[in-house]
C-alpha atoms as a PDB file:
ATOM      1  CA  MET A   1      56.041  98.066  92.793  1.00  0.00           C
ATOM      2  CA  SER A   2      58.013  95.737  90.526  1.00  0.00           C
ATOM      3  CA  LEU A   3      57.767  96.290  86.786  1.00  0.00           C
ATOM      4  CA  SER A   4      56.443  93.287  84.865  1.00  0.00           C
ATOM      5  CA  PRO A   5      57.920  92.176  81.545  1.00  0.00           C
ATOM      6  CA  LEU A   6      55.887  92.352  78.349  1.00  0.00           C
ATOM      7  CA  PRO A   7      53.528  91.251  76.837  1.00  0.00           C
ATOM      8  CA  LEU A   8      50.556  92.461  78.838  1.00  0.00           C
ATOM      9  CA  LYS A   9      47.977  89.819  79.660  1.00  0.00           C
ATOM     10  CA  GLN A  10      44.866  92.029  79.457  1.00  0.00           C
ATOM     11  CA  GLU A  11      42.702  92.980  76.491  1.00  0.00           C
ATOM     12  CA  LEU A  12      43.561  96.530  75.444  1.00  0.00           C
ATOM     13  CA  GLU A  13      41.695  97.033  72.181  1.00  0.00           C
ATOM     14  CA  THR A  14      38.412  98.167  73.716  1.00  0.00           C
ATOM     15  CA  LYS A  15      35.579  99.670  71.697  1.00  0.00           C
ATOM     16  CA  ALA A  16      36.822 103.202  72.427  1.00  0.00           C
ATOM     17  CA  VAL A  17      40.410 102.276  71.480  1.00  0.00           C
ATOM     18  CA  LEU A  18      39.314 100.638  68.210  1.00  0.00           C
ATOM     19  CA  LYS A  19      37.330 103.735  67.237  1.00  0.00           C
ATOM     20  CA  LYS A  20      40.280 106.026  67.971  1.00  0.00           C
ATOM     21  CA  LEU A  21      42.658 103.644  66.157  1.00  0.00           C
ATOM     22  CA  SER A  22      40.643 104.055  62.957  1.00  0.00           C
ATOM     23  CA  GLN A  23      40.901 107.849  63.184  1.00  0.00           C
ATOM     24  CA  ALA A  24      44.643 107.800  64.002  1.00  0.00           C
ATOM     25  CA  HIS A  25      45.462 105.436  61.124  1.00  0.00           C
ATOM     26  CA  ARG A  26      43.487 107.573  58.685  1.00  0.00           C
ATOM     27  CA  ALA A  27      45.418 110.684  59.731  1.00  0.00           C
ATOM     28  CA  LEU A  28      48.765 108.839  59.496  1.00  0.00           C
ATOM     29  CA  ALA A  29      47.922 107.537  56.010  1.00  0.00           C
ATOM     30  CA  GLU A  30      47.162 111.082  54.856  1.00  0.00           C
ATOM     31  CA  LEU A  31      50.460 112.300  56.310  1.00  0.00           C
ATOM     32  CA  LYS A  32      52.370 109.490  54.599  1.00  0.00           C
ATOM     33  CA  GLY A  33      50.734 110.447  51.301  1.00  0.00           C
ATOM     34  CA  ILE A  34      51.543 114.162  51.502  1.00  0.00           C
ATOM     35  CA  ILE A  35      55.173 113.404  52.374  1.00  0.00           C
ATOM     36  CA  THR A  36      55.599 111.423  49.139  1.00  0.00           C
ATOM     37  CA  SER A  37      54.382 114.417  47.122  1.00  0.00           C
ATOM     38  CA  ILE A  38      57.370 116.558  48.189  1.00  0.00           C
ATOM     39  CA  PRO A  39      60.121 116.296  45.519  1.00  0.00           C
ATOM     40  CA  ASN A  40      63.028 116.434  47.965  1.00  0.00           C
ATOM     41  CA  GLN A  41      61.945 114.800  51.225  1.00  0.00           C
ATOM     42  CA  SER A  42      65.292 115.510  52.920  1.00  0.00           C
ATOM     43  CA  ILE A  43      64.077 119.119  53.262  1.00  0.00           C
ATOM     44  CA  LEU A  44      61.382 117.958  55.671  1.00  0.00           C
ATOM     45  CA  LEU A  45      63.914 115.865  57.555  1.00  0.00           C
ATOM     46  CA  GLU A  46      66.083 118.936  58.109  1.00  0.00           C
ATOM     47  CA  THR A  47      63.498 121.586  58.991  1.00  0.00           C
ATOM     48  CA  LEU A  48      60.769 119.591  60.711  1.00  0.00           C
ATOM     49  CA  THR A  49      63.020 117.395  62.856  1.00  0.00           C
ATOM     50  CA  LEU A  50      64.415 120.581  64.404  1.00  0.00           C
ATOM     51  CA  ARG A  51      60.901 121.690  65.286  1.00  0.00           C
ATOM     52  CA  GLU A  52      60.213 118.322  66.957  1.00  0.00           C
ATOM     53  CA  ALA A  53      63.604 118.487  68.683  1.00  0.00           C
ATOM     54  CA  ARG A  54      62.817 121.919  70.107  1.00  0.00           C
ATOM     55  CA  GLU A  55      59.442 120.780  71.473  1.00  0.00           C
ATOM     56  CA  SER A  56      60.825 117.530  72.904  1.00  0.00           C
ATOM     57  CA  SER A  57      63.685 119.366  74.594  1.00  0.00           C
ATOM     58  CA  ALA A  58      61.237 121.911  76.038  1.00  0.00           C
ATOM     59  CA  ILE A  59      59.445 119.075  77.870  1.00  0.00           C
ATOM     60  CA  GLU A  60      62.729 118.634  79.775  1.00  0.00           C
ATOM     61  CA  ASN A  61      62.887 122.420  80.431  1.00  0.00           C
ATOM     62  CA  ILE A  62      65.572 122.935  77.768  1.00  0.00           C
ATOM     63  CA  ILE A  63      64.133 126.138  76.372  1.00  0.00           C
ATOM     64  CA  SER A  64      65.291 127.733  73.117  1.00  0.00           C
ATOM     65  CA  THR A  65      63.730 130.132  70.626  1.00  0.00           C
ATOM     66  CA  PHE A  66      63.021 129.228  67.012  1.00  0.00           C
ATOM     67  CA  ASP A  67      65.526 131.892  65.958  1.00  0.00           C
ATOM     68  CA  GLU A  68      68.276 130.294  68.076  1.00  0.00           C
ATOM     69  CA  VAL A  69      67.507 126.827  66.729  1.00  0.00           C
ATOM     70  CA  TYR A  70      67.474 127.785  63.053  1.00  0.00           C
ATOM     71  CA  GLN A  71      70.475 130.106  63.323  1.00  0.00           C
ATOM     72  CA  SER A  72      72.508 127.179  64.675  1.00  0.00           C
ATOM     73  CA  ASN A  73      74.199 124.428  62.678  1.00  0.00           C
ATOM     74  CA  LEU A  74      75.571 121.149  64.003  1.00  0.00           C
ATOM     75  CA  VAL A  75      77.860 120.462  61.033  1.00  0.00           C
ATOM     76  CA  SER A  76      79.527 123.870  61.370  1.00  0.00           C
ATOM     77  CA  ASN A  77      79.465 123.605  65.195  1.00  0.00           C
ATOM     78  CA  ILE A  78      77.782 127.023  65.377  1.00  0.00           C
ATOM     79  CA  PHE A  79      75.167 127.425  68.106  1.00  0.00           C
ATOM     80  CA  ALA A  80      73.202 130.496  69.145  1.00  0.00           C
ATOM     81  CA  SER A  81      72.766 129.173  72.708  1.00  0.00           C
ATOM     82  CA  PRO A  82      73.577 126.063  74.809  1.00  0.00           C
ATOM     83  CA  ALA A  83      69.901 125.052  74.605  1.00  0.00           C
ATOM     84  CA  ALA A  84      69.998 125.276  70.792  1.00  0.00           C
ATOM     85  CA  LYS A  85      72.995 122.938  70.827  1.00  0.00           C
ATOM     86  CA  GLU A  86      71.002 120.363  72.802  1.00  0.00           C
ATOM     87  CA  VAL A  87      68.119 120.712  70.349  1.00  0.00           C
ATOM     88  CA  HIS A  88      70.456 120.003  67.433  1.00  0.00           C
ATOM     89  CA  GLN A  89      71.879 116.979  69.276  1.00  0.00           C
ATOM     90  CA  TYR A  90      68.327 115.645  69.651  1.00  0.00           C
ATOM     91  CA  ALA A  91      67.657 116.153  65.938  1.00  0.00           C
ATOM     92  CA  ALA A  92      70.928 114.365  65.123  1.00  0.00           C
ATOM     93  CA  ALA A  93      69.917 111.488  67.407  1.00  0.00           C
ATOM     94  CA  LEU A  94      66.550 111.199  65.653  1.00  0.00           C
ATOM     95  CA  LYS A  95      68.232 111.115  62.239  1.00  0.00           C
ATOM     96  CA  LYS A  96      70.793 108.576  63.516  1.00  0.00           C
ATOM     97  CA  GLY A  97      67.998 106.329  64.744  1.00  0.00           C
ATOM     98  CA  PHE A  98      66.171 106.701  61.427  1.00  0.00           C
ATOM     99  CA  GLU A  99      69.299 105.596  59.525  1.00  0.00           C
ATOM    100  CA  LEU A 100      69.701 102.555  61.797  1.00  0.00           C
ATOM    101  CA  VAL A 101      66.054 101.476  61.475  1.00  0.00           C
ATOM    102  CA  LYS A 102      66.130 101.839  57.676  1.00  0.00           C
ATOM    103  CA  LYS A 103      69.411  99.925  57.441  1.00  0.00           C
ATOM    104  CA  TYR A 104      68.611  97.014  59.738  1.00  0.00           C
ATOM    105  CA  ASP A 105      64.783  96.941  59.762  1.00  0.00           C
ATOM    106  CA  LEU A 106      65.111  96.527  63.532  1.00  0.00           C
ATOM    107  CA  LEU A 107      65.186  98.767  66.602  1.00  0.00           C
ATOM    108  CA  THR A 108      67.567  97.101  69.040  1.00  0.00           C
ATOM    109  CA  ASN A 109      68.985  98.011  72.442  1.00  0.00           C
ATOM    110  CA  ASN A 110      72.309  98.803  70.779  1.00  0.00           C
ATOM    111  CA  HIS A 111      70.462 101.272  68.544  1.00  0.00           C
ATOM    112  CA  ILE A 112      68.706 102.802  71.555  1.00  0.00           C
ATOM    113  CA  LEU A 113      72.071 103.151  73.309  1.00  0.00           C
ATOM    114  CA  GLU A 114      73.504 104.893  70.230  1.00  0.00           C
ATOM    115  CA  ILE A 115      70.544 107.280  70.117  1.00  0.00           C
ATOM    116  CA  GLN A 116      70.922 108.172  73.807  1.00  0.00           C
ATOM    117  CA  GLN A 117      74.659 108.720  73.332  1.00  0.00           C
ATOM    118  CA  VAL A 118      73.955 111.356  70.680  1.00  0.00           C
ATOM    119  CA  VAL A 119      71.229 113.004  72.800  1.00  0.00           C
ATOM    120  CA  GLU A 120      73.395 113.219  75.925  1.00  0.00           C
ATOM    121  CA  GLN A 121      76.871 113.240  74.347  1.00  0.00           C
ATOM    122  CA  ASN A 122      78.127 110.546  76.744  1.00  0.00           C
ATOM    123  CA  ARG A 123      78.564 106.779  76.894  1.00  0.00           C
ATOM    124  CA  ALA A 124      77.219 106.132  80.392  1.00  0.00           C
ATOM    125  CA  GLY A 125      74.937 103.360  79.114  1.00  0.00           C
ATOM    126  CA  PHE A 126      72.264 101.750  81.274  1.00  0.00           C
ATOM    127  CA  ARG A 127      72.100 102.806  84.933  1.00  0.00           C
ATOM    128  CA  LYS A 128      74.490 100.848  87.177  1.00  0.00           C
ATOM    129  CA  LEU A 129      74.036 102.806  90.421  1.00  0.00           C
ATOM    130  CA  PRO A 130      70.844 102.885  92.535  1.00  0.00           C
ATOM    131  CA  GLY A 131      69.172 106.095  93.687  1.00  0.00           C
ATOM    132  CA  THR A 132      67.158 107.209  90.639  1.00  0.00           C
ATOM    133  CA  LYS A 133      63.685 108.478  91.562  1.00  0.00           C
ATOM    134  CA  LEU A 134      61.099 110.441  89.614  1.00  0.00           C
ATOM    135  CA  LEU A 135      59.909 113.491  91.519  1.00  0.00           C
ATOM    136  CA  ASN A 136      56.937 115.814  91.324  1.00  0.00           C
ATOM    137  CA  ASP A 137      58.274 119.083  89.847  1.00  0.00           C
ATOM    138  CA  LYS A 138      56.219 121.250  92.187  1.00  0.00           C
ATOM    139  CA  THR A 139      56.234 119.352  95.495  1.00  0.00           C
ATOM    140  CA  GLY A 140      59.477 117.391  95.215  1.00  0.00           C
ATOM    141  CA  GLU A 141      57.733 114.216  96.418  1.00  0.00           C
ATOM    142  CA  VAL A 142      58.701 110.845  94.919  1.00  0.00           C
ATOM    143  CA  VAL A 143      56.017 109.775  92.418  1.00  0.00           C
ATOM    144  CA  TYR A 144      57.759 106.711  91.018  1.00  0.00           C
ATOM    145  CA  THR A 145      60.853 104.628  91.691  1.00  0.00           C
ATOM    146  CA  PRO A 146      62.061 102.765  88.586  1.00  0.00           C
ATOM    147  CA  PRO A 147      64.031  99.490  88.776  1.00  0.00           C
ATOM    148  CA  GLN A 148      67.268 100.086  90.688  1.00  0.00           C
ATOM    149  CA  ASP A 149      69.254  96.917  89.964  1.00  0.00           C
ATOM    150  CA  TYR A 150      71.437  96.922  86.837  1.00  0.00           C
ATOM    151  CA  ASP A 151      70.672  93.286  85.991  1.00  0.00           C
ATOM    152  CA  ALA A 152      66.935  93.955  86.303  1.00  0.00           C
ATOM    153  CA  ILE A 153      67.233  96.964  83.964  1.00  0.00           C
ATOM    154  CA  VAL A 154      69.141  94.910  81.382  1.00  0.00           C
ATOM    155  CA  THR A 155      66.616  92.037  81.599  1.00  0.00           C
ATOM    156  CA  LEU A 156      63.656  94.397  81.160  1.00  0.00           C
ATOM    157  CA  MET A 157      65.349  96.174  78.240  1.00  0.00           C
ATOM    158  CA  GLN A 158      66.078  92.840  76.547  1.00  0.00           C
ATOM    159  CA  ASN A 159      62.411  91.943  76.965  1.00  0.00           C
ATOM    160  CA  LEU A 160      61.400  95.333  75.521  1.00  0.00           C
ATOM    161  CA  GLU A 161      63.748  94.837  72.558  1.00  0.00           C
ATOM    162  CA  THR A 162      62.042  91.531  71.763  1.00  0.00           C
ATOM    163  CA  PHE A 163      58.598  93.117  72.133  1.00  0.00           C
ATOM    164  CA  ILE A 164      59.539  95.921  69.716  1.00  0.00           C
ATOM    165  CA  ASN A 165      60.840  93.584  67.018  1.00  0.00           C
ATOM    166  CA  ASP A 166      58.790  90.370  67.387  1.00  0.00           C
ATOM    167  CA  ASP A 167      55.147  90.850  66.409  1.00  0.00           C
ATOM    168  CA  ASN A 168      54.330  87.328  67.569  1.00  0.00           C
ATOM    169  CA  MET A 169      54.742  88.367  71.214  1.00  0.00           C
ATOM    170  CA  MET A 170      51.442  90.244  71.250  1.00  0.00           C
ATOM    171  CA  ASP A 171      48.635  90.452  68.732  1.00  0.00           C
ATOM    172  CA  ALA A 172      47.889  94.174  68.856  1.00  0.00           C
ATOM    173  CA  ASP A 173      47.725  97.148  66.511  1.00  0.00           C
ATOM    174  CA  PRO A 174      51.132  98.851  66.058  1.00  0.00           C
ATOM    175  CA  LEU A 175      49.810 102.126  67.496  1.00  0.00           C
ATOM    176  CA  VAL A 176      48.647 100.330  70.642  1.00  0.00           C
ATOM    177  CA  LYS A 177      52.053  98.675  70.848  1.00  0.00           C
ATOM    178  CA  MET A 178      53.741 102.067  70.446  1.00  0.00           C
ATOM    179  CA  ALA A 179      51.834 103.335  73.502  1.00  0.00           C
ATOM    180  CA  ILE A 180      52.827 100.225  75.485  1.00  0.00           C
ATOM    181  CA  ILE A 181      56.484 100.502  74.396  1.00  0.00           C
ATOM    182  CA  HIS A 182      56.649 104.152  75.405  1.00  0.00           C
ATOM    183  CA  HIS A 183      55.147 103.460  78.816  1.00  0.00           C
ATOM    184  CA  GLN A 184      57.445 100.493  79.437  1.00  0.00           C
ATOM    185  CA  PHE A 185      60.579 102.381  78.369  1.00  0.00           C
ATOM    186  CA  GLU A 186      59.771 105.399  80.536  1.00  0.00           C
ATOM    187  CA  SER A 187      58.974 103.088  83.461  1.00  0.00           C
ATOM    188  CA  ILE A 188      62.247 101.162  83.100  1.00  0.00           C
ATOM    189  CA  HIS A 189      63.959 104.574  82.886  1.00  0.00           C
ATOM    190  CA  PRO A 190      67.178 102.833  81.847  1.00  0.00           C
ATOM    191  CA  PHE A 191      69.485 105.859  81.611  1.00  0.00           C
ATOM    192  CA  TYR A 192      70.772 108.412  84.092  1.00  0.00           C
ATOM    193  CA  ASP A 193      69.694 111.193  81.688  1.00  0.00           C
ATOM    194  CA  GLY A 194      67.865 111.547  78.382  1.00  0.00           C
ATOM    195  CA  ASN A 195      65.109 108.984  79.029  1.00  0.00           C
ATOM    196  CA  GLY A 196      62.263 111.277  77.980  1.00  0.00           C
ATOM    197  CA  ARG A 197      63.881 112.468  74.778  1.00  0.00           C
ATOM    198  CA  THR A 198      65.128 108.991  73.835  1.00  0.00           C
ATOM    199  CA  GLY A 199      61.685 107.550  74.538  1.00  0.00           C
ATOM    200  CA  ARG A 200      60.005 110.095  72.271  1.00  0.00           C
ATOM    201  CA  ILE A 201      62.468 109.283  69.481  1.00  0.00           C
ATOM    202  CA  ILE A 202      61.608 105.579  69.898  1.00  0.00           C
ATOM    203  CA  ASN A 203      57.918 106.451  69.336  1.00  0.00           C
ATOM    204  CA  ILE A 204      58.612 107.927  65.901  1.00  0.00           C
ATOM    205  CA  LEU A 205      61.109 105.237  64.901  1.00  0.00           C
ATOM    206  CA  TYR A 206      58.653 102.488  65.794  1.00  0.00           C
ATOM    207  CA  LEU A 207      56.111 103.979  63.370  1.00  0.00           C
ATOM    208  CA  VAL A 208      58.809 103.996  60.670  1.00  0.00           C
ATOM    209  CA  LEU A 209      59.751 100.407  61.560  1.00  0.00           C
ATOM    210  CA  LYS A 210      56.120  99.314  61.106  1.00  0.00           C
ATOM    211  CA  GLY A 211      55.744 101.144  57.783  1.00  0.00           C
ATOM    212  CA  LEU A 212      53.213 103.657  59.085  1.00  0.00           C
ATOM    213  CA  LEU A 213      55.615 106.476  58.183  1.00  0.00           C
ATOM    214  CA  HIS A 214      58.633 106.480  55.905  1.00  0.00           C
ATOM    215  CA  LEU A 215      60.086 109.714  57.319  1.00  0.00           C
ATOM    216  CA  PRO A 216      60.270 110.511  61.051  1.00  0.00           C
ATOM    217  CA  VAL A 217      58.137 113.653  60.829  1.00  0.00           C
ATOM    218  CA  LEU A 218      55.350 113.113  63.368  1.00  0.00           C
ATOM    219  CA  TYR A 219      55.620 115.672  66.141  1.00  0.00           C
ATOM    220  CA  LEU A 220      54.128 114.020  69.195  1.00  0.00           C
ATOM    221  CA  SER A 221      56.297 116.174  71.449  1.00  0.00           C
ATOM    222  CA  ARG A 222      54.233 119.252  70.614  1.00  0.00           C
ATOM    223  CA  TYR A 223      51.080 117.433  71.705  1.00  0.00           C
ATOM    224  CA  ILE A 224      52.786 116.162  74.870  1.00  0.00           C
ATOM    225  CA  ILE A 225      54.009 119.606  75.911  1.00  0.00           C
ATOM    226  CA  GLN A 226      50.520 121.032  75.335  1.00  0.00           C
ATOM    227  CA  HIS A 227      49.135 118.310  77.636  1.00  0.00           C
ATOM    228  CA  LYS A 228      52.148 117.820  79.890  1.00  0.00           C
ATOM    229  CA  HIS A 229      50.154 117.405  83.101  1.00  0.00           C
ATOM    230  CA  ASP A 230      47.916 114.724  81.561  1.00  0.00           C
ATOM    231  CA  TYR A 231      50.920 112.956  80.045  1.00  0.00           C
ATOM    232  CA  TYR A 232      52.651 112.473  83.399  1.00  0.00           C
ATOM    233  CA  ARG A 233      49.374 111.806  85.236  1.00  0.00           C
ATOM    234  CA  LEU A 234      48.312 109.068  82.834  1.00  0.00           C
ATOM    235  CA  LEU A 235      51.780 107.471  82.827  1.00  0.00           C
ATOM    236  CA  GLN A 236      51.530 107.183  86.609  1.00  0.00           C
ATOM    237  CA  GLU A 237      47.906 105.995  86.631  1.00  0.00           C
ATOM    238  CA  VAL A 238      48.936 102.968  84.581  1.00  0.00           C
ATOM    239  CA  ARG A 239      51.620 102.180  87.180  1.00  0.00           C
ATOM    240  CA  ASP A 240      49.323 102.780  90.148  1.00  0.00           C
ATOM    241  CA  LYS A 241      45.945 101.575  88.887  1.00  0.00           C
ATOM    242  CA  GLY A 242      46.553  99.710  85.607  1.00  0.00           C
ATOM    243  CA  LYS A 243      44.463 102.289  83.680  1.00  0.00           C
ATOM    244  CA  TRP A 244      45.740 101.363  80.229  1.00  0.00           C
ATOM    245  CA  GLU A 245      42.736 102.500  78.191  1.00  0.00           C
ATOM    246  CA  ASP A 246      43.072 106.177  79.173  1.00  0.00           C
ATOM    247  CA  TRP A 247      46.819 106.127  78.417  1.00  0.00           C
ATOM    248  CA  ILE A 248      46.374 104.464  75.030  1.00  0.00           C
ATOM    249  CA  LEU A 249      43.562 106.855  74.051  1.00  0.00           C
ATOM    250  CA  PHE A 250      45.776 109.796  75.024  1.00  0.00           C
ATOM    251  CA  MET A 251      48.603 108.582  72.783  1.00  0.00           C
ATOM    252  CA  LEU A 252      46.276 107.730  69.882  1.00  0.00           C
ATOM    253  CA  ASN A 253      44.695 111.167  70.110  1.00  0.00           C
ATOM    254  CA  GLY A 254      48.204 112.638  69.963  1.00  0.00           C
ATOM    255  CA  VAL A 255      49.009 110.653  66.818  1.00  0.00           C
ATOM    256  CA  GLU A 256      45.782 111.759  65.137  1.00  0.00           C
ATOM    257  CA  LYS A 257      46.102 115.450  66.013  1.00  0.00           C
ATOM    258  CA  THR A 258      49.809 115.813  65.239  1.00  0.00           C
ATOM    259  CA  ALA A 259      49.468 113.905  61.964  1.00  0.00           C
ATOM    260  CA  ALA A 260      46.661 116.260  60.901  1.00  0.00           C
ATOM    261  CA  GLU A 261      48.737 119.323  61.892  1.00  0.00           C
ATOM    262  CA  SER A 262      51.740 117.971  59.984  1.00  0.00           C
ATOM    263  CA  VAL A 263      49.613 117.476  56.851  1.00  0.00           C
ATOM    264  CA  VAL A 264      48.621 121.156  56.964  1.00  0.00           C
ATOM    265  CA  SER A 265      52.210 122.308  57.540  1.00  0.00           C
ATOM    266  CA  ILE A 266      53.696 120.176  54.766  1.00  0.00           C
ATOM    267  CA  THR A 267      50.943 121.216  52.328  1.00  0.00           C
ATOM    268  CA  VAL A 268      51.733 124.898  52.954  1.00  0.00           C
ATOM    269  CA  ILE A 269      55.481 124.222  52.563  1.00  0.00           C
ATOM    270  CA  LYS A 270      54.770 122.472  49.247  1.00  0.00           C
ATOM    271  CA  VAL A 271      52.693 125.427  47.976  1.00  0.00           C
ATOM    272  CA  LEU A 272      55.347 127.930  49.091  1.00  0.00           C
ATOM    273  CA  MET A 273      58.071 125.952  47.315  1.00  0.00           C
ATOM    274  CA  GLN A 274      56.081 126.051  44.091  1.00  0.00           C
ATOM    275  CA  GLN A 275      55.560 129.819  44.417  1.00  0.00           C
ATOM    276  CA  TYR A 276      59.276 130.438  44.938  1.00  0.00           C
ATOM    277  CA  LYS A 277      60.177 128.041  42.147  1.00  0.00           C
ATOM    278  CA  HIS A 278      58.044 129.930  39.607  1.00  0.00           C
ATOM    279  CA  GLN A 279      59.121 133.355  40.876  1.00  0.00           C
ATOM    280  CA  ILE A 280      62.846 132.604  40.693  1.00  0.00           C
ATOM    281  CA  ARG A 281      62.676 130.628  37.447  1.00  0.00           C
ATOM    282  CA  ASN A 282      60.582 133.288  35.688  1.00  0.00           C
ATOM    283  CA  ASN A 283      62.345 136.395  37.001  1.00  0.00           C
ATOM    284  CA  HIS A 284      65.883 135.104  37.546  1.00  0.00           C
ATOM    285  CA  PRO A 285      66.335 132.126  35.189  1.00  0.00           C
ATOM    286  CA  LYS A 286      70.149 132.193  35.414  1.00  0.00           C
ATOM    287  CA  LEU A 287      69.884 131.959  39.181  1.00  0.00           C
ATOM    288  CA  TYR A 288      67.354 129.155  39.402  1.00  0.00           C
ATOM    289  CA  SER A 289      68.236 125.573  40.241  1.00  0.00           C
ATOM    290  CA  GLN A 290      66.527 122.866  42.264  1.00  0.00           C
ATOM    291  CA  ASP A 291      69.542 122.883  44.589  1.00  0.00           C
ATOM    292  CA  LEU A 292      69.012 126.580  45.308  1.00  0.00           C
ATOM    293  CA  LEU A 293      65.337 126.020  46.052  1.00  0.00           C
ATOM    294  CA  ASN A 294      66.193 123.087  48.316  1.00  0.00           C
ATOM    295  CA  ASN A 295      68.684 125.239  50.231  1.00  0.00           C
ATOM    296  CA  LEU A 296      66.087 127.948  50.905  1.00  0.00           C
ATOM    297  CA  PHE A 297      63.778 125.347  52.488  1.00  0.00           C
ATOM    298  CA  LYS A 298      66.446 123.245  54.176  1.00  0.00           C
ATOM    299  CA  TYR A 299      67.712 126.296  56.086  1.00  0.00           C
ATOM    300  CA  PRO A 300      65.065 128.884  57.042  1.00  0.00           C
ATOM    301  CA  TYR A 301      68.088 130.955  58.104  1.00  0.00           C
ATOM    302  CA  THR A 302      70.557 130.301  55.281  1.00  0.00           C
ATOM    303  CA  LYS A 303      74.114 131.628  55.057  1.00  0.00           C
ATOM    304  CA  ILE A 304      76.690 132.300  52.365  1.00  0.00           C
ATOM    305  CA  GLU A 305      78.624 129.198  53.461  1.00  0.00           C
ATOM    306  CA  PHE A 306      75.537 126.962  53.266  1.00  0.00           C
ATOM    307  CA  LEU A 307      74.884 128.091  49.697  1.00  0.00           C
ATOM    308  CA  GLN A 308      78.535 127.551  48.729  1.00  0.00           C
ATOM    309  CA  THR A 309      78.436 123.975  50.044  1.00  0.00           C
ATOM    310  CA  ASP A 310      75.037 122.958  48.652  1.00  0.00           C
ATOM    311  CA  LEU A 311      75.450 124.529  45.211  1.00  0.00           C
ATOM    312  CA  GLN A 312      79.236 124.059  44.888  1.00  0.00           C
ATOM    313  CA  ILE A 313      79.701 127.727  43.979  1.00  0.00           C
ATOM    314  CA  SER A 314      82.208 130.416  44.935  1.00  0.00           C
ATOM    315  CA  ARG A 315      81.660 132.804  47.823  1.00  0.00           C
ATOM    316  CA  SER A 316      81.213 135.786  45.493  1.00  0.00           C
ATOM    317  CA  THR A 317      78.574 133.891  43.471  1.00  0.00           C
ATOM    318  CA  ALA A 318      76.748 132.856  46.671  1.00  0.00           C
ATOM    319  CA  ILE A 319      76.704 136.492  47.839  1.00  0.00           C
ATOM    320  CA  ARG A 320      75.346 137.622  44.488  1.00  0.00           C
ATOM    321  CA  TYR A 321      72.603 134.984  44.572  1.00  0.00           C
ATOM    322  CA  LEU A 322      71.529 135.884  48.106  1.00  0.00           C
ATOM    323  CA  ASN A 323      71.533 139.639  47.453  1.00  0.00           C
ATOM    324  CA  THR A 324      69.389 139.086  44.363  1.00  0.00           C
ATOM    325  CA  LEU A 325      66.897 137.058  46.421  1.00  0.00           C
ATOM    326  CA  VAL A 326      66.790 139.819  49.052  1.00  0.00           C
ATOM    327  CA  LYS A 327      66.012 142.421  46.366  1.00  0.00           C
ATOM    328  CA  ALA A 328      63.302 140.105  45.006  1.00  0.00           C
ATOM    329  CA  GLY A 329      61.667 139.976  48.452  1.00  0.00           C
ATOM    330  CA  ILE A 330      62.169 136.238  48.817  1.00  0.00           C
ATOM    331  CA  LEU A 331      64.714 136.572  51.653  1.00  0.00           C
ATOM    332  CA  THR A 332      65.497 139.225  54.256  1.00  0.00           C
ATOM    333  CA  LYS A 333      69.031 139.905  55.485  1.00  0.00           C
ATOM    334  CA  HIS A 334      69.820 139.875  59.210  1.00  0.00           C
ATOM    335  CA  LYS A 335      73.102 140.479  61.018  1.00  0.00           C
ATOM    336  CA  VAL A 336      73.451 138.365  64.167  1.00  0.00           C
ATOM    337  CA  GLY A 337      76.734 139.003  65.938  1.00  0.00           C
ATOM    338  CA  ARG A 338      79.386 138.796  63.222  1.00  0.00           C
ATOM    339  CA  ASP A 339      77.290 136.628  60.904  1.00  0.00           C
ATOM    340  CA  ASN A 340      74.918 137.525  58.118  1.00  0.00           C
ATOM    341  CA  PHE A 341      71.823 135.339  57.865  1.00  0.00           C
ATOM    342  CA  PHE A 342      69.280 135.317  55.065  1.00  0.00           C
ATOM    343  CA  LEU A 343      65.802 134.511  56.356  1.00  0.00           C
ATOM    344  CA  ASN A 344      63.046 132.767  54.447  1.00  0.00           C
ATOM    345  CA  GLU A 345      60.382 134.636  56.441  1.00  0.00           C
ATOM    346  CA  LYS A 346      57.327 132.819  55.091  1.00  0.00           C
ATOM    347  CA  LEU A 347      58.807 129.395  55.851  1.00  0.00           C
ATOM    348  CA  PHE A 348      60.005 130.534  59.270  1.00  0.00           C
ATOM    349  CA  ALA A 349      56.557 131.887  60.156  1.00  0.00           C
ATOM    350  CA  LEU A 350      55.072 128.510  59.250  1.00  0.00           C
ATOM    351  CA  LEU A 351      57.570 126.582  61.376  1.00  0.00           C
ATOM    352  CA  LYS A 352      56.885 128.833  64.374  1.00  0.00           C
ATOM    353  CA  ARG A 353      53.115 128.210  64.282  1.00  0.00           C
END
């Protein structure tokens, strides 16, 4: 089966799709609103992108624990496991893509190539050699053969780039277009590796590009891994039978559910920040600063070095601060290997939910 370029010629906004679109947009608008109420939004970018990165990597059978992920740090090149390193690379790729979209107000093939380079840590680019096939995990049978010819891959990706950035190509709701873009990208399967993770990053960036989110904190990967069988089945049913409505409804349902879950998570984080702010400011006024509070929520597992860097304080002062917070019951101290970590247990419990 040859893959057709976009736009699609059929009507996709059926009665069922329009109803689900209304629900998904309402949930996204609520998420966008709660994000703006957080004083330092970079906290969410640090903690929540790692949660998305862990879930997205797990879809590709890159399995890591929350402890491993949050005990690791890309800047310091400290990783609790090889899988945790891949999770951090995914989070870095998501943040890289976010910077590019905000800077250029576009999502181009060059941007997609840059994102994939960070995910996979190579510069292989689009596939040049034939032989790529998508197999059933259990039976090993071929379920789909993507385009094999390099020129065909480039042509289809150029067409997809135009579809992403030119709204005149197809008059459709952005969430419907996101579902189409994801299906087309995964069907082109342009890279040797990292197609799934790159494709899921594109989903979030497209919502940012269209102004539906202003931070990339929608965790569709969690929904996909919970419904992994349906995800792959519906992808293939579009290829085999043209069943677009079921695929679009699946993706819209994912947007609605994950947006609602994110609203709950961010609301609890906001409340917890306020509790810690009052507790530290009232009981330890000489210790309190907004930078300290930000650090405790930027790193669920913080370290002496992280505090030194963020607060621009000496090592002895950072140790004193952290020990005070342990005595106050705000943090707990954990020795992992040769390192001491200071765990914000209430935040960590929330992120693990």
